């Protein structure tokens, strides 16, 4: 699908020959207007404040690839994880397990990370250094491409499903696409008001604050190490799952601790579905839940209000279609 931005509108038109085959309609014609409440927030991204926050969180502003890794985490957290997709997982008839979601989060982050790295390598002096000097139309293209990646209806997630196959129904899929559209519109407007660099740094700081336990974030290695330690000493866990986690049989090809650690560090999306399910059942889920996810809640709330286009979606009732 190809997102197009014009003025204050952000609309999606699938190219000919690529219309979703699973749907009873062919073109998403929704146009998202930037809410007035979002427009009021456009003047609050200050580079000095963002860099200061990043430094306090351990983000090295000289390591541009590390900043872009965290930017991918922050963008995916907002546009993917904190979207209606989270409601899909909570739906009683959901088609995505915890291990599936862990892998889907990492796979989506990898795609956005790779796109940012590619743009960084192509830009003179690097994406962050050149971002503030890009033409006015350039931010739109950058964020359109990222949103296209996240909401690609043909992309297969690690569990083998596409988004239309994963969504509970067509209305839920529409809601997700509209959420990603709204993200793209807001981010483009922020980039026009400030710079692409400011938006990328805002993503990165949000990722470092709110998602420290994700792959590519500062805490992922700590999560993996705690999981590995608890494989050897289950009594370390003070969690209800610890009594059974140590009895989950490990797949033969993951018998070597170093190999298991290496695969997790490379990214949980690269594991097979069987291996990902094993890791979650054997205690990775417990390690993720006990790892601190949010640092400095005041600053996190401020950034979330700037970067998120709307309040969190609530789970829709499957019986009457109303919000519950």
Protein backbone atom coordinates (compact mmCIF):
# COMPACT_ATOMS: atom_id res chain seq x y z
CA UNK A 1 0.00 0.00 0.00
CA UNK A 2 1.18 3.51 -0.77
CA UNK A 3 0.39 6.32 1.67
CA UNK A 4 0.08 9.81 0.21
CA UNK A 5 0.14 13.02 2.17
CA UNK A 6 -1.32 16.27 0.93
CA UNK A 7 -1.59 19.32 3.15
CA UNK A 8 -3.21 18.23 6.38
CA UNK A 9 -4.54 14.97 4.98
CA UNK A 10 -2.90 11.56 5.07
CA UNK A 11 -4.66 8.97 2.91
CA UNK A 12 -3.77 5.51 1.63
CA UNK A 13 -4.32 4.19 -1.88
CA UNK A 14 -3.16 0.65 -2.74
CA UNK A 15 -1.38 0.47 -6.11
CA UNK A 16 -3.13 -1.37 -8.94
CA UNK A 17 -2.76 -5.11 -8.70
CA UNK A 18 -2.08 -5.06 -4.95
CA UNK A 19 -5.57 -4.65 -3.55
CA UNK A 20 -6.25 -6.86 -0.50
CA UNK A 21 -7.70 -10.15 -1.69
CA UNK A 22 -9.15 -11.01 1.73
CA UNK A 23 -11.49 -8.03 1.96
CA UNK A 24 -14.90 -7.26 0.48
CA UNK A 25 -13.64 -3.79 -0.49
CA UNK A 26 -10.66 -2.81 -2.60
CA UNK A 27 -9.49 0.62 -1.54
CA UNK A 28 -9.18 2.24 1.86
CA UNK A 29 -10.42 5.75 1.18
CA UNK A 30 -10.26 7.05 4.74
CA UNK A 31 -8.81 10.52 5.16
CA UNK A 32 -7.46 11.42 8.58
CA UNK A 33 -7.58 15.03 9.74
CA UNK A 34 -5.12 16.10 12.41
CA UNK A 35 -7.16 16.74 15.57
CA UNK A 36 -7.06 20.23 17.05
CA UNK A 37 -5.74 18.75 20.30
CA UNK A 38 -2.76 17.34 18.41
CA UNK A 39 -2.10 20.63 16.64
CA UNK A 40 -1.79 22.30 20.04
CA UNK A 41 1.14 20.01 20.88
CA UNK A 42 3.26 20.74 17.80
CA UNK A 43 5.38 23.42 19.41
CA UNK A 44 6.79 21.43 22.32
CA UNK A 45 9.62 19.33 20.83
CA UNK A 46 12.88 20.92 21.97
CA UNK A 47 16.12 19.26 20.89
CA UNK A 48 18.00 20.33 24.01
CA UNK A 49 15.35 18.76 26.23
CA UNK A 50 15.26 15.57 24.13
CA UNK A 51 19.04 15.15 24.11
CA UNK A 52 19.15 15.80 27.85
CA UNK A 53 16.54 13.15 28.49
CA UNK A 54 18.35 10.73 26.20
CA UNK A 55 21.63 11.31 28.01
CA UNK A 56 20.02 10.61 31.38
CA UNK A 57 18.67 7.35 29.94
CA UNK A 58 22.10 6.30 28.67
CA UNK A 59 21.54 7.18 24.99
CA UNK A 60 24.82 8.16 23.34
CA UNK A 61 24.01 10.95 20.89
CA UNK A 62 27.27 10.25 19.05
CA UNK A 63 26.14 6.70 18.22
CA UNK A 64 23.61 7.45 15.51
CA UNK A 65 22.77 3.82 14.80
CA UNK A 66 21.94 3.25 18.47
CA UNK A 67 19.69 6.34 18.43
CA UNK A 68 17.95 5.06 15.30
CA UNK A 69 17.51 1.61 16.86
CA UNK A 70 15.69 3.21 19.77
CA UNK A 71 13.74 5.45 17.39
CA UNK A 72 12.44 2.30 15.69
CA UNK A 73 11.41 0.91 19.08
CA UNK A 74 9.52 4.09 19.97
CA UNK A 75 7.76 4.37 16.62
CA UNK A 76 6.66 0.73 16.66
CA UNK A 77 5.47 1.00 20.26
CA UNK A 78 3.11 3.84 19.27
CA UNK A 79 1.96 2.82 15.80
CA UNK A 80 1.92 -0.97 16.26
CA UNK A 81 1.89 -2.16 19.86
CA UNK A 82 -0.27 0.60 21.35
CA UNK A 83 -2.71 0.37 18.47
CA UNK A 84 -5.88 -1.73 18.10
CA UNK A 85 -3.48 -4.69 17.70
CA UNK A 86 -3.25 -4.79 21.49
CA UNK A 87 -7.03 -5.14 21.61
CA UNK A 88 -6.83 -7.99 19.12
CA UNK A 89 -4.59 -9.91 21.50
CA UNK A 90 -7.00 -9.26 24.40
CA UNK A 91 -9.98 -10.41 22.35
CA UNK A 92 -11.37 -13.75 23.65
CA UNK A 93 -11.19 -15.11 20.09
CA UNK A 94 -7.69 -13.78 19.44
CA UNK A 95 -5.36 -15.42 16.94
CA UNK A 96 -2.12 -14.26 18.51
CA UNK A 97 -0.34 -15.76 21.53
CA UNK A 98 2.13 -13.99 23.79
CA UNK A 99 5.05 -15.54 21.92
CA UNK A 100 3.50 -14.44 18.62
CA UNK A 101 3.22 -10.86 19.87
CA UNK A 102 6.81 -10.84 21.11
CA UNK A 103 7.97 -11.99 17.68
CA UNK A 104 5.68 -9.58 15.83
CA UNK A 105 6.94 -6.65 17.92
CA UNK A 106 10.53 -7.54 17.09
CA UNK A 107 9.83 -8.20 13.40
CA UNK A 108 8.06 -4.84 12.99
CA UNK A 109 10.84 -3.06 14.88
CA UNK A 110 13.43 -4.73 12.64
CA UNK A 111 11.67 -3.51 9.49
CA UNK A 112 11.47 0.08 10.74
CA UNK A 113 15.07 -0.09 12.04
CA UNK A 114 16.34 -1.35 8.69
CA UNK A 115 14.50 1.44 6.86
CA UNK A 116 15.96 4.11 9.16
CA UNK A 117 19.46 2.64 8.79
CA UNK A 118 19.08 2.63 5.02
CA UNK A 119 17.99 6.26 5.00
CA UNK A 120 20.83 7.14 7.38
CA UNK A 121 23.42 5.56 5.07
CA UNK A 122 21.95 7.30 2.02
CA UNK A 123 21.77 10.79 3.54
CA UNK A 124 24.83 13.02 3.29
CA UNK A 125 26.40 13.09 6.74
CA UNK A 126 23.81 10.68 8.10
CA UNK A 127 20.09 10.98 8.68
CA UNK A 128 20.25 12.70 12.07
CA UNK A 129 22.84 15.28 11.04
CA UNK A 130 21.06 16.15 7.80
CA UNK A 131 17.47 15.83 9.01
CA UNK A 132 16.98 19.47 9.94
CA UNK A 133 18.07 20.54 6.45
CA UNK A 134 15.73 18.31 4.46
CA UNK A 135 13.26 19.91 2.02
CA UNK A 136 9.76 20.54 3.37
CA UNK A 137 8.34 17.58 1.41
CA UNK A 138 10.95 15.09 2.63
CA UNK A 139 9.56 14.40 6.14
CA UNK A 140 6.26 13.36 4.59
CA UNK A 141 7.94 10.77 2.40
CA UNK A 142 10.02 9.35 5.26
CA UNK A 143 7.09 8.88 7.63
CA UNK A 144 4.81 7.67 4.85
CA UNK A 145 7.28 4.88 4.07
CA UNK A 146 7.54 3.89 7.72
CA UNK A 147 3.76 3.79 8.13
CA UNK A 148 3.46 1.78 4.91
CA UNK A 149 5.84 -0.78 6.39
CA UNK A 150 3.89 -1.06 9.64
CA UNK A 151 0.42 -1.32 8.04
CA UNK A 152 1.34 -3.44 5.01
CA UNK A 153 -1.64 -5.80 4.61
CA UNK A 154 0.48 -8.29 2.66
CA UNK A 155 3.29 -8.58 5.21
CA UNK A 156 3.46 -11.95 6.92
CA UNK A 157 4.25 -11.88 10.60
CA UNK A 158 6.55 -14.52 12.13
CA UNK A 159 3.52 -16.69 12.96
CA UNK A 160 2.69 -16.82 9.23
CA UNK A 161 -0.43 -14.64 9.33
CA UNK A 162 -1.05 -11.38 7.47
CA UNK A 163 -2.79 -8.48 9.19
CA UNK A 164 -6.18 -9.24 7.56
CA UNK A 165 -5.85 -12.84 8.76
CA UNK A 166 -4.85 -11.71 12.25
CA UNK A 167 -7.53 -9.07 12.78
CA UNK A 168 -10.76 -10.20 14.50
CA UNK A 169 -12.86 -8.63 11.74
CA UNK A 170 -12.81 -6.02 8.98
CA UNK A 171 -13.84 -3.19 11.31
CA UNK A 172 -10.89 -3.95 13.59
CA UNK A 173 -8.51 -3.91 10.63
CA UNK A 174 -9.95 -0.57 9.45
CA UNK A 175 -9.41 0.84 12.94
CA UNK A 176 -5.77 -0.27 12.93
CA UNK A 177 -5.06 1.25 9.51
CA UNK A 178 -6.70 4.52 10.56
CA UNK A 179 -4.53 4.57 13.69
CA UNK A 180 -1.35 4.19 11.63
CA UNK A 181 -2.57 6.87 9.23
CA UNK A 182 -3.11 9.25 12.15
CA UNK A 183 0.41 8.51 13.42
CA UNK A 184 1.89 9.32 10.02
CA UNK A 185 -0.03 12.56 9.78
CA UNK A 186 0.95 13.73 13.26
CA UNK A 187 4.62 12.80 12.82
CA UNK A 188 4.79 14.56 9.47
CA UNK A 189 3.28 17.70 10.98
CA UNK A 190 5.77 17.53 13.85
CA UNK A 191 8.63 17.18 11.35
CA UNK A 192 7.37 20.19 9.40
CA UNK A 193 7.11 22.25 12.58
CA UNK A 194 10.52 21.17 13.91
CA UNK A 195 12.65 18.66 12.01
CA UNK A 196 12.87 14.98 11.24
CA UNK A 197 15.70 14.86 13.77
CA UNK A 198 13.40 16.07 16.54
CA UNK A 199 10.82 13.37 15.78
CA UNK A 200 13.49 10.65 15.61
CA UNK A 201 14.93 11.75 18.94
CA UNK A 202 11.46 11.87 20.48
CA UNK A 203 10.87 8.30 19.32
CA UNK A 204 14.24 7.24 20.72
CA UNK A 205 13.68 8.81 24.13
CA UNK A 206 10.20 7.28 24.33
CA UNK A 207 11.67 3.89 23.42
CA UNK A 208 14.38 4.20 26.07
CA UNK A 209 11.87 5.28 28.72
CA UNK A 210 8.89 3.10 28.02
CA UNK A 211 10.21 -0.02 26.29
CA UNK A 212 13.52 -0.84 27.95
CA UNK A 213 12.61 -4.53 27.91
CA UNK A 214 12.18 -4.69 24.08
CA UNK A 215 14.66 -6.12 21.62
CA UNK A 216 17.08 -3.32 20.53
CA UNK A 217 16.31 -1.35 23.72
CA UNK A 218 18.82 -0.94 26.58
CA UNK A 219 17.20 -3.57 28.82
CA UNK A 220 16.86 -6.46 26.35
CA UNK A 221 20.32 -7.88 27.12
CA UNK A 222 19.49 -7.73 30.83
CA UNK A 223 16.21 -9.60 30.21
CA UNK A 224 18.06 -12.28 28.24
CA UNK A 225 20.75 -12.65 30.91
CA UNK A 226 18.20 -12.94 33.71
CA UNK A 227 16.30 -15.54 31.69
CA UNK A 228 19.53 -17.52 31.18
CA UNK A 229 20.44 -17.30 34.88
CA UNK A 230 17.01 -18.52 35.85
CA UNK A 231 17.34 -21.45 33.46
CA UNK A 232 20.18 -22.63 35.67
CA UNK A 233 18.71 -21.46 39.01
CA UNK A 234 14.88 -21.42 38.86
CA UNK A 235 14.72 -20.46 42.53
CA UNK A 236 15.77 -16.94 41.48
CA UNK A 237 12.24 -16.36 40.23
CA UNK A 238 9.71 -15.04 42.70
CA UNK A 239 6.84 -15.42 40.28
CA UNK A 240 3.98 -17.95 40.04
CA UNK A 241 5.31 -19.29 36.76
CA UNK A 242 8.64 -20.25 38.31
CA UNK A 243 7.30 -23.50 39.77
CA UNK A 244 6.54 -24.88 36.31
CA UNK A 245 9.01 -22.99 34.12
CA UNK A 246 11.94 -25.17 35.15
CA UNK A 247 10.02 -28.28 34.06
CA UNK A 248 9.37 -27.07 30.49
CA UNK A 249 11.47 -29.36 28.25
CA UNK A 250 14.03 -27.45 26.19
CA UNK A 251 14.17 -28.24 22.44
CA UNK A 252 17.19 -30.36 21.58
CA UNK A 253 18.65 -27.75 19.21
CA UNK A 254 18.53 -25.15 22.00
CA UNK A 255 20.32 -27.33 24.55
CA UNK A 256 23.44 -25.16 24.44
CA UNK A 257 23.08 -22.04 26.63
CA UNK A 258 25.39 -19.97 24.47
CA UNK A 259 23.38 -20.79 21.35
CA UNK A 260 20.10 -19.93 23.07
CA UNK A 261 21.54 -16.63 24.29
CA UNK A 262 22.91 -15.83 20.83
CA UNK A 263 19.55 -16.44 19.16
CA UNK A 264 17.67 -14.28 21.64
CA UNK A 265 20.18 -11.45 21.29
CA UNK A 266 19.83 -11.63 17.50
CA UNK A 267 16.10 -11.02 17.90
CA UNK A 268 13.14 -13.14 19.02
CA UNK A 269 11.52 -12.73 15.58
CA UNK A 270 14.28 -14.95 14.15
CA UNK A 271 13.31 -17.85 16.41
CA UNK A 272 11.00 -20.55 15.15
CA UNK A 273 7.46 -20.47 16.55
CA UNK A 274 8.30 -23.55 18.64
CA UNK A 275 11.42 -21.96 20.11
CA UNK A 276 9.67 -18.66 20.86
CA UNK A 277 6.83 -20.48 22.63
CA UNK A 278 9.36 -22.49 24.64
CA UNK A 279 11.21 -19.37 25.78
CA UNK A 280 8.01 -17.67 26.94
CA UNK A 281 6.82 -20.79 28.78
CA UNK A 282 10.24 -21.43 30.30
CA UNK A 283 10.42 -18.03 31.97
CA UNK A 284 11.15 -15.30 29.43
CA UNK A 285 7.62 -14.01 29.96
CA UNK A 286 8.30 -13.76 33.68
CA UNK A 287 11.61 -11.98 33.05
CA UNK A 288 9.86 -9.48 30.76
CA UNK A 289 7.17 -8.77 33.35
CA UNK A 290 9.61 -8.20 36.21
CA UNK A 291 11.98 -5.96 34.22
CA UNK A 292 11.36 -2.21 34.70
CA UNK A 293 9.58 -0.91 31.63
CA UNK A 294 9.04 2.77 32.37
CA UNK A 295 11.57 5.27 33.66
CA UNK A 296 10.56 8.81 34.68
CA UNK A 297 6.82 8.59 34.18
CA UNK A 298 6.37 12.38 34.02
CA UNK A 299 8.65 12.67 30.99
CA UNK A 300 7.12 9.57 29.40
CA UNK A 301 3.60 11.00 29.68
CA UNK A 302 4.77 14.26 28.12
CA UNK A 303 6.29 12.49 25.12
CA UNK A 304 3.34 10.15 24.71
CA UNK A 305 0.98 13.15 24.56
CA UNK A 306 3.13 14.67 21.82
CA UNK A 307 3.65 11.55 19.70
CA UNK A 308 0.39 9.62 20.06
CA UNK A 309 -2.45 10.76 17.81
CA UNK A 310 -5.31 9.68 20.08
CA UNK A 311 -6.01 8.06 23.47
CA UNK A 312 -5.51 4.32 23.75
CA UNK A 313 -8.12 2.26 21.95
CA UNK A 314 -10.32 0.19 24.22
CA UNK A 315 -11.36 -3.36 23.61
CA UNK A 316 -14.52 -3.55 21.50
CA UNK A 317 -17.28 -5.81 22.67
CA UNK A 318 -17.58 -8.80 20.37
CA UNK A 319 -21.28 -9.09 21.17
CA UNK A 320 -22.71 -5.65 20.65
CA UNK A 321 -19.97 -3.69 18.84
CA UNK A 322 -19.78 -1.03 21.56
CA UNK A 323 -16.65 0.01 23.45
CA UNK A 324 -16.30 -1.76 26.75
